[in-house]
Structure formats: structure tokens, C-alpha cells
PDB file of all heavy atoms in Angstrom:
ATOM      1  N   TYR A   1     -94.162  55.295  19.626  1.00  0.00           N
ATOM      2  CA  TYR A   1     -93.006  54.766  20.341  1.00  0.00           C
ATOM      3  C   TYR A   1     -92.902  53.254  20.184  1.00  0.00           C
ATOM      4  O   TYR A   1     -93.914  52.554  20.087  1.00  0.00           O
ATOM      5  CB  TYR A   1     -93.095  55.123  21.826  1.00  0.00           C
ATOM      6  CG  TYR A   1     -93.042  56.614  22.078  1.00  0.00           C
ATOM      7  CD1 TYR A   1     -94.187  57.318  22.443  1.00  0.00           C
ATOM      8  CD2 TYR A   1     -91.863  57.322  21.904  1.00  0.00           C
ATOM      9  CE1 TYR A   1     -94.146  58.694  22.651  1.00  0.00           C
ATOM     10  CE2 TYR A   1     -91.814  58.697  22.102  1.00  0.00           C
ATOM     11  CZ  TYR A   1     -92.955  59.372  22.483  1.00  0.00           C
ATOM     12  OH  TYR A   1     -92.906  60.726  22.670  1.00  0.00           O
ATOM     13  N   ASP A   2     -91.673  52.789  20.157  1.00  0.00           N
ATOM     14  CA  ASP A   2     -91.402  51.353  20.209  1.00  0.00           C
ATOM     15  C   ASP A   2     -90.898  51.077  21.624  1.00  0.00           C
ATOM     16  O   ASP A   2     -89.712  51.175  21.914  1.00  0.00           O
ATOM     17  CB  ASP A   2     -90.349  50.984  19.164  1.00  0.00           C
ATOM     18  CG  ASP A   2     -90.141  49.477  19.084  1.00  0.00           C
ATOM     19  OD1 ASP A   2     -90.808  48.743  19.842  1.00  0.00           O
ATOM     20  OD2 ASP A   2     -89.293  49.031  18.277  1.00  0.00           O
ATOM     21  N   ARG A   3     -91.829  50.787  22.523  1.00  0.00           N
ATOM     22  CA  ARG A   3     -91.490  50.620  23.933  1.00  0.00           C
ATOM     23  C   ARG A   3     -90.665  49.340  24.146  1.00  0.00           C
ATOM     24  O   ARG A   3     -90.858  48.355  23.437  1.00  0.00           O
ATOM     25  CB  ARG A   3     -92.759  50.522  24.777  1.00  0.00           C
ATOM     26  CG  ARG A   3     -93.775  51.636  24.547  1.00  0.00           C
ATOM     27  CD  ARG A   3     -93.442  52.877  25.296  1.00  0.00           C
ATOM     28  NE  ARG A   3     -94.546  53.850  25.227  1.00  0.00           N
ATOM     29  CZ  ARG A   3     -94.452  55.098  25.648  1.00  0.00           C
ATOM     30  NH1 ARG A   3     -93.334  55.545  26.172  1.00  0.00           N
ATOM     31  NH2 ARG A   3     -95.481  55.926  25.553  1.00  0.00           N
ATOM     32  N   PRO A   4     -89.769  49.362  25.129  1.00  0.00           N
ATOM     33  CA  PRO A   4     -89.054  48.113  25.449  1.00  0.00           C
ATOM     34  C   PRO A   4     -90.031  47.050  25.941  1.00  0.00           C
ATOM     35  O   PRO A   4     -91.036  47.374  26.592  1.00  0.00           O
ATOM     36  CB  PRO A   4     -88.087  48.539  26.560  1.00  0.00           C
ATOM     37  CG  PRO A   4     -88.630  49.805  27.112  1.00  0.00           C
ATOM     38  CD  PRO A   4     -89.364  50.476  25.990  1.00  0.00           C
ATOM     39  N   TRP A   5     -89.738  45.810  25.626  1.00  0.00           N
ATOM     40  CA  TRP A   5     -90.622  44.721  26.049  1.00  0.00           C
ATOM     41  C   TRP A   5     -89.788  43.484  26.357  1.00  0.00           C
ATOM     42  O   TRP A   5     -88.658  43.356  25.902  1.00  0.00           O
ATOM     43  CB  TRP A   5     -91.676  44.419  24.981  1.00  0.00           C
ATOM     44  CG  TRP A   5     -91.127  44.080  23.627  1.00  0.00           C
ATOM     45  CD1 TRP A   5     -90.672  44.953  22.686  1.00  0.00           C
ATOM     46  CD2 TRP A   5     -90.951  42.775  23.071  1.00  0.00           C
ATOM     47  NE1 TRP A   5     -90.232  44.290  21.577  1.00  0.00           N
ATOM     48  CE2 TRP A   5     -90.398  42.947  21.786  1.00  0.00           C
ATOM     49  CE3 TRP A   5     -91.219  41.488  23.530  1.00  0.00           C
ATOM     50  CZ2 TRP A   5     -90.093  41.856  20.951  1.00  0.00           C
ATOM     51  CZ3 TRP A   5     -90.921  40.412  22.699  1.00  0.00           C
ATOM     52  CH2 TRP A   5     -90.365  40.609  21.422  1.00  0.00           C
ATOM     53  N   VAL A   6     -90.357  42.615  27.142  1.00  0.00           N
ATOM     54  CA  VAL A   6     -89.680  41.388  27.560  1.00  0.00           C
ATOM     55  C   VAL A   6     -90.556  40.215  27.164  1.00  0.00           C
ATOM     56  O   VAL A   6     -91.765  40.211  27.417  1.00  0.00           O
ATOM     57  CB  VAL A   6     -89.439  41.374  29.094  1.00  0.00           C
ATOM     58  CG1 VAL A   6     -88.755  40.085  29.511  1.00  0.00           C
ATOM     59  CG2 VAL A   6     -88.620  42.585  29.516  1.00  0.00           C
ATOM     60  N   GLU A   7     -89.952  39.233  26.533  1.00  0.00           N
ATOM     61  CA  GLU A   7     -90.714  38.071  26.097  1.00  0.00           C
ATOM     62  C   GLU A   7     -91.195  37.273  27.306  1.00  0.00           C
ATOM     63  O   GLU A   7     -90.454  37.069  28.275  1.00  0.00           O
ATOM     64  CB  GLU A   7     -89.846  37.175  25.206  1.00  0.00           C
ATOM     65  CG  GLU A   7     -90.655  36.112  24.489  1.00  0.00           C
ATOM     66  CD  GLU A   7     -89.887  35.489  23.324  1.00  0.00           C
ATOM     67  OE1 GLU A   7     -88.870  36.072  22.888  1.00  0.00           O
ATOM     68  OE2 GLU A   7     -90.314  34.429  22.854  1.00  0.00           O
ATOM     69  N   THR A   8     -92.459  36.836  27.265  1.00  0.00           N
ATOM     70  CA  THR A   8     -93.010  36.027  28.353  1.00  0.00           C
ATOM     71  C   THR A   8     -92.324  34.663  28.366  1.00  0.00           C
ATOM     72  O   THR A   8     -92.245  34.004  27.326  1.00  0.00           O
ATOM     73  CB  THR A   8     -94.523  35.841  28.160  1.00  0.00           C
ATOM     74  OG1 THR A   8     -95.133  37.121  28.057  1.00  0.00           O
ATOM     75  CG2 THR A   8     -95.137  35.054  29.306  1.00  0.00           C
ATOM     76  N   PRO A   9     -91.803  34.230  29.515  1.00  0.00           N
ATOM     77  CA  PRO A   9     -91.144  32.906  29.546  1.00  0.00           C
ATOM     78  C   PRO A   9     -92.151  31.806  29.248  1.00  0.00           C
ATOM     79  O   PRO A   9     -93.339  31.928  29.576  1.00  0.00           O
ATOM     80  CB  PRO A   9     -90.609  32.807  30.976  1.00  0.00           C
ATOM     81  CG  PRO A   9     -91.408  33.796  31.772  1.00  0.00           C
ATOM     82  CD  PRO A   9     -91.790  34.882  30.821  1.00  0.00           C
ATOM     83  N   PRO A  10     -91.707  30.725  28.619  1.00  0.00           N
ATOM     84  CA  PRO A  10     -92.643  29.637  28.304  1.00  0.00           C
ATOM     85  C   PRO A  10     -93.173  28.985  29.580  1.00  0.00           C
ATOM     86  O   PRO A  10     -92.531  29.023  30.636  1.00  0.00           O
ATOM     87  CB  PRO A  10     -91.790  28.653  27.492  1.00  0.00           C
ATOM     88  CG  PRO A  10     -90.374  28.982  27.863  1.00  0.00           C
ATOM     89  CD  PRO A  10     -90.340  30.433  28.182  1.00  0.00           C
ATOM     90  N   ALA A  11     -94.380  28.438  29.471  1.00  0.00           N
ATOM     91  CA  ALA A  11     -94.976  27.753  30.613  1.00  0.00           C
ATOM     92  C   ALA A  11     -94.139  26.541  30.999  1.00  0.00           C
ATOM     93  O   ALA A  11     -93.449  25.936  30.149  1.00  0.00           O
ATOM     94  CB  ALA A  11     -96.401  27.325  30.271  1.00  0.00           C
ATOM     95  N   ALA A  12     -94.201  26.170  32.267  1.00  0.00           N
ATOM     96  CA  ALA A  12     -93.439  25.006  32.733  1.00  0.00           C
ATOM     97  C   ALA A  12     -93.975  23.740  32.063  1.00  0.00           C
ATOM     98  O   ALA A  12     -95.193  23.589  31.886  1.00  0.00           O
ATOM     99  CB  ALA A  12     -93.577  24.883  34.249  1.00  0.00           C
ATOM    100  N   PRO A  13     -93.086  22.833  31.657  1.00  0.00           N
ATOM    101  CA  PRO A  13     -93.557  21.558  31.088  1.00  0.00           C
ATOM    102  C   PRO A  13     -94.455  20.836  32.090  1.00  0.00           C
ATOM    103  O   PRO A  13     -94.277  20.959  33.309  1.00  0.00           O
ATOM    104  CB  PRO A  13     -92.262  20.777  30.841  1.00  0.00           C
ATOM    105  CG  PRO A  13     -91.177  21.812  30.825  1.00  0.00           C
ATOM    106  CD  PRO A  13     -91.625  22.920  31.722  1.00  0.00           C
ATOM    107  N   LEU A  14     -95.433  20.077  31.572  1.00  0.00           N
ATOM    108  CA  LEU A  14     -96.396  19.423  32.451  1.00  0.00           C
ATOM    109  C   LEU A  14     -95.723  18.519  33.460  1.00  0.00           C
ATOM    110  O   LEU A  14     -96.199  18.353  34.579  1.00  0.00           O
ATOM    111  CB  LEU A  14     -97.400  18.624  31.617  1.00  0.00           C
ATOM    112  CG  LEU A  14     -98.486  19.449  30.922  1.00  0.00           C
ATOM    113  CD1 LEU A  14     -99.367  18.569  30.066  1.00  0.00           C
ATOM    114  CD2 LEU A  14     -99.332  20.189  31.941  1.00  0.00           C
ATOM    115  N   GLY A  15     -94.585  17.927  33.068  1.00  0.00           N
ATOM    116  CA  GLY A  15     -93.898  17.008  33.988  1.00  0.00           C
ATOM    117  C   GLY A  15     -93.422  17.688  35.253  1.00  0.00           C
ATOM    118  O   GLY A  15     -93.219  17.025  36.278  1.00  0.00           O
ATOM    119  N   GLU A  16     -93.238  19.006  35.220  1.00  0.00           N
ATOM    120  CA  GLU A  16     -92.724  19.713  36.390  1.00  0.00           C
ATOM    121  C   GLU A  16     -93.834  20.258  37.279  1.00  0.00           C
ATOM    122  O   GLU A  16     -93.578  20.849  38.325  1.00  0.00           O
ATOM    123  CB  GLU A  16     -91.814  20.864  35.940  1.00  0.00           C
ATOM    124  CG  GLU A  16     -90.578  20.401  35.175  1.00  0.00           C
ATOM    125  CD  GLU A  16     -89.775  21.572  34.630  1.00  0.00           C
ATOM    126  OE1 GLU A  16     -89.937  22.690  35.139  1.00  0.00           O
ATOM    127  OE2 GLU A  16     -89.003  21.346  33.678  1.00  0.00           O
ATOM    128  N   VAL A  17     -95.095  20.103  36.862  1.00  0.00           N
ATOM    129  CA  VAL A  17     -96.216  20.574  37.672  1.00  0.00           C
ATOM    130  C   VAL A  17     -96.479  19.555  38.780  1.00  0.00           C
ATOM    131  O   VAL A  17     -96.586  18.359  38.506  1.00  0.00           O
ATOM    132  CB  VAL A  17     -97.479  20.746  36.802  1.00  0.00           C
ATOM    133  CG1 VAL A  17     -98.676  21.128  37.658  1.00  0.00           C
ATOM    134  CG2 VAL A  17     -97.234  21.801  35.732  1.00  0.00           C
ATOM    135  N   PRO A  18     -96.558  20.013  40.052  1.00  0.00           N
ATOM    136  CA  PRO A  18     -96.778  19.040  41.131  1.00  0.00           C
ATOM    137  C   PRO A  18     -98.123  18.331  40.973  1.00  0.00           C
ATOM    138  O   PRO A  18     -99.108  18.925  40.555  1.00  0.00           O
ATOM    139  CB  PRO A  18     -96.753  19.904  42.401  1.00  0.00           C
ATOM    140  CG  PRO A  18     -96.995  21.299  41.939  1.00  0.00           C
ATOM    141  CD  PRO A  18     -96.428  21.382  40.553  1.00  0.00           C
ATOM    142  N   ALA A  19     -98.124  17.053  41.282  1.00  0.00           N
ATOM    143  CA  ALA A  19     -99.341  16.254  41.170  1.00  0.00           C
ATOM    144  C   ALA A  19    -100.348  16.706  42.226  1.00  0.00           C
ATOM    145  O   ALA A  19     -99.975  17.195  43.293  1.00  0.00           O
ATOM    146  CB  ALA A  19     -99.011  14.786  41.331  1.00  0.00           C
ATOM    147  N   ILE A  20    -101.644  16.562  41.916  1.00  0.00           N
ATOM    148  CA  ILE A  20    -102.704  16.916  42.871  1.00  0.00           C
ATOM    149  C   ILE A  20    -103.771  15.837  42.789  1.00  0.00           C
ATOM    150  O   ILE A  20    -104.076  15.314  41.702  1.00  0.00           O
ATOM    151  CB  ILE A  20    -103.283  18.314  42.554  1.00  0.00           C
ATOM    152  CG1 ILE A  20    -104.303  18.736  43.616  1.00  0.00           C
ATOM    153  CG2 ILE A  20    -103.914  18.355  41.158  1.00  0.00           C
ATOM    154  CD1 ILE A  20    -104.724  20.202  43.495  1.00  0.00           C
ATOM    155  N   GLY A  21    -104.317  15.466  43.922  1.00  0.00           N
ATOM    156  CA  GLY A  21    -105.339  14.429  43.951  1.00  0.00           C
ATOM    157  C   GLY A  21    -106.618  14.877  43.281  1.00  0.00           C
ATOM    158  O   GLY A  21    -106.905  16.080  43.192  1.00  0.00           O
ATOM    159  N   ALA A  22    -107.416  13.930  42.822  1.00  0.00           N
ATOM    160  CA  ALA A  22    -108.639  14.242  42.091  1.00  0.00           C
ATOM    161  C   ALA A  22    -109.603  15.068  42.937  1.00  0.00           C
ATOM    162  O   ALA A  22    -110.187  16.052  42.455  1.00  0.00           O
ATOM    163  CB  ALA A  22    -109.313  12.950  41.627  1.00  0.00           C
ATOM    164  N   ILE A  23    -109.778  14.685  44.213  1.00  0.00           N
ATOM    165  CA  ILE A  23    -110.731  15.406  45.069  1.00  0.00           C
ATOM    166  C   ILE A  23    -110.231  16.819  45.335  1.00  0.00           C
ATOM    167  O   ILE A  23    -110.988  17.805  45.270  1.00  0.00           O
ATOM    168  CB  ILE A  23    -110.964  14.653  46.396  1.00  0.00           C
ATOM    169  CG1 ILE A  23    -111.595  13.284  46.118  1.00  0.00           C
ATOM    170  CG2 ILE A  23    -111.867  15.475  47.323  1.00  0.00           C
ATOM    171  CD1 ILE A  23    -112.932  13.354  45.398  1.00  0.00           C
ATOM    172  N   ASP A  24    -108.925  16.942  45.629  1.00  0.00           N
ATOM    173  CA  ASP A  24    -108.359  18.276  45.867  1.00  0.00           C
ATOM    174  C   ASP A  24    -108.476  19.143  44.611  1.00  0.00           C
ATOM    175  O   ASP A  24    -108.750  20.351  44.693  1.00  0.00           O
ATOM    176  CB  ASP A  24    -106.888  18.175  46.285  1.00  0.00           C
ATOM    177  CG  ASP A  24    -106.733  17.616  47.692  1.00  0.00           C
ATOM    178  OD1 ASP A  24    -107.713  17.699  48.452  1.00  0.00           O
ATOM    179  OD2 ASP A  24    -105.646  17.104  48.019  1.00  0.00           O
ATOM    180  N   GLY A  25    -108.248  18.514  43.441  1.00  0.00           N
ATOM    181  CA  GLY A  25    -108.376  19.255  42.187  1.00  0.00           C
ATOM    182  C   GLY A  25    -109.793  19.736  41.960  1.00  0.00           C
ATOM    183  O   GLY A  25    -110.029  20.882  41.555  1.00  0.00           O
ATOM    184  N   LEU A  26    -110.773  18.871  42.252  1.00  0.00           N
ATOM    185  CA  LEU A  26    -112.180  19.234  42.094  1.00  0.00           C
ATOM    186  C   LEU A  26    -112.545  20.378  43.037  1.00  0.00           C
ATOM    187  O   LEU A  26    -113.228  21.335  42.651  1.00  0.00           O
ATOM    188  CB  LEU A  26    -113.064  18.012  42.359  1.00  0.00           C
ATOM    189  CG  LEU A  26    -114.578  18.222  42.171  1.00  0.00           C
ATOM    190  CD1 LEU A  26    -114.894  18.651  40.750  1.00  0.00           C
ATOM    191  CD2 LEU A  26    -115.342  16.963  42.545  1.00  0.00           C
ATOM    192  N   ARG A  27    -112.064  20.286  44.289  1.00  0.00           N
ATOM    193  CA  ARG A  27    -112.341  21.354  45.258  1.00  0.00           C
ATOM    194  C   ARG A  27    -111.751  22.690  44.788  1.00  0.00           C
ATOM    195  O   ARG A  27    -112.371  23.742  44.931  1.00  0.00           O
ATOM    196  CB  ARG A  27    -111.731  20.983  46.621  1.00  0.00           C
ATOM    197  CG  ARG A  27    -112.556  19.986  47.420  1.00  0.00           C
ATOM    198  CD  ARG A  27    -112.161  20.042  48.898  1.00  0.00           C
ATOM    199  NE  ARG A  27    -112.913  19.071  49.670  1.00  0.00           N
ATOM    200  CZ  ARG A  27    -112.397  17.954  50.180  1.00  0.00           C
ATOM    201  NH1 ARG A  27    -111.120  17.662  50.003  1.00  0.00           N
ATOM    202  NH2 ARG A  27    -113.151  17.115  50.883  1.00  0.00           N
ATOM    203  N   ALA A  28    -110.533  22.619  44.219  1.00  0.00           N
ATOM    204  CA  ALA A  28    -109.892  23.851  43.749  1.00  0.00           C
ATOM    205  C   ALA A  28    -110.698  24.484  42.618  1.00  0.00           C
ATOM    206  O   ALA A  28    -110.873  25.712  42.575  1.00  0.00           O
ATOM    207  CB  ALA A  28    -108.467  23.543  43.285  1.00  0.00           C
TER     208      ALA A  28
END
């Protein structure tokens, strides 16, 4: 079978990722 498929959307550009502090990032 050739099953229907949906292309994965591209990842968000880095500029749109919310900033996170260094300590919070390390804890995560």
C-alpha cells in the first residue's frame, strides 16, 4: 500500500524560540 502521509512542518526558526536564562536552561 501507498498510505496517505503528511509532510512534517519545518521547525520554528531560532528567532521565534522564547529566550531562557542560563540557570533555568541548565535546570531544564
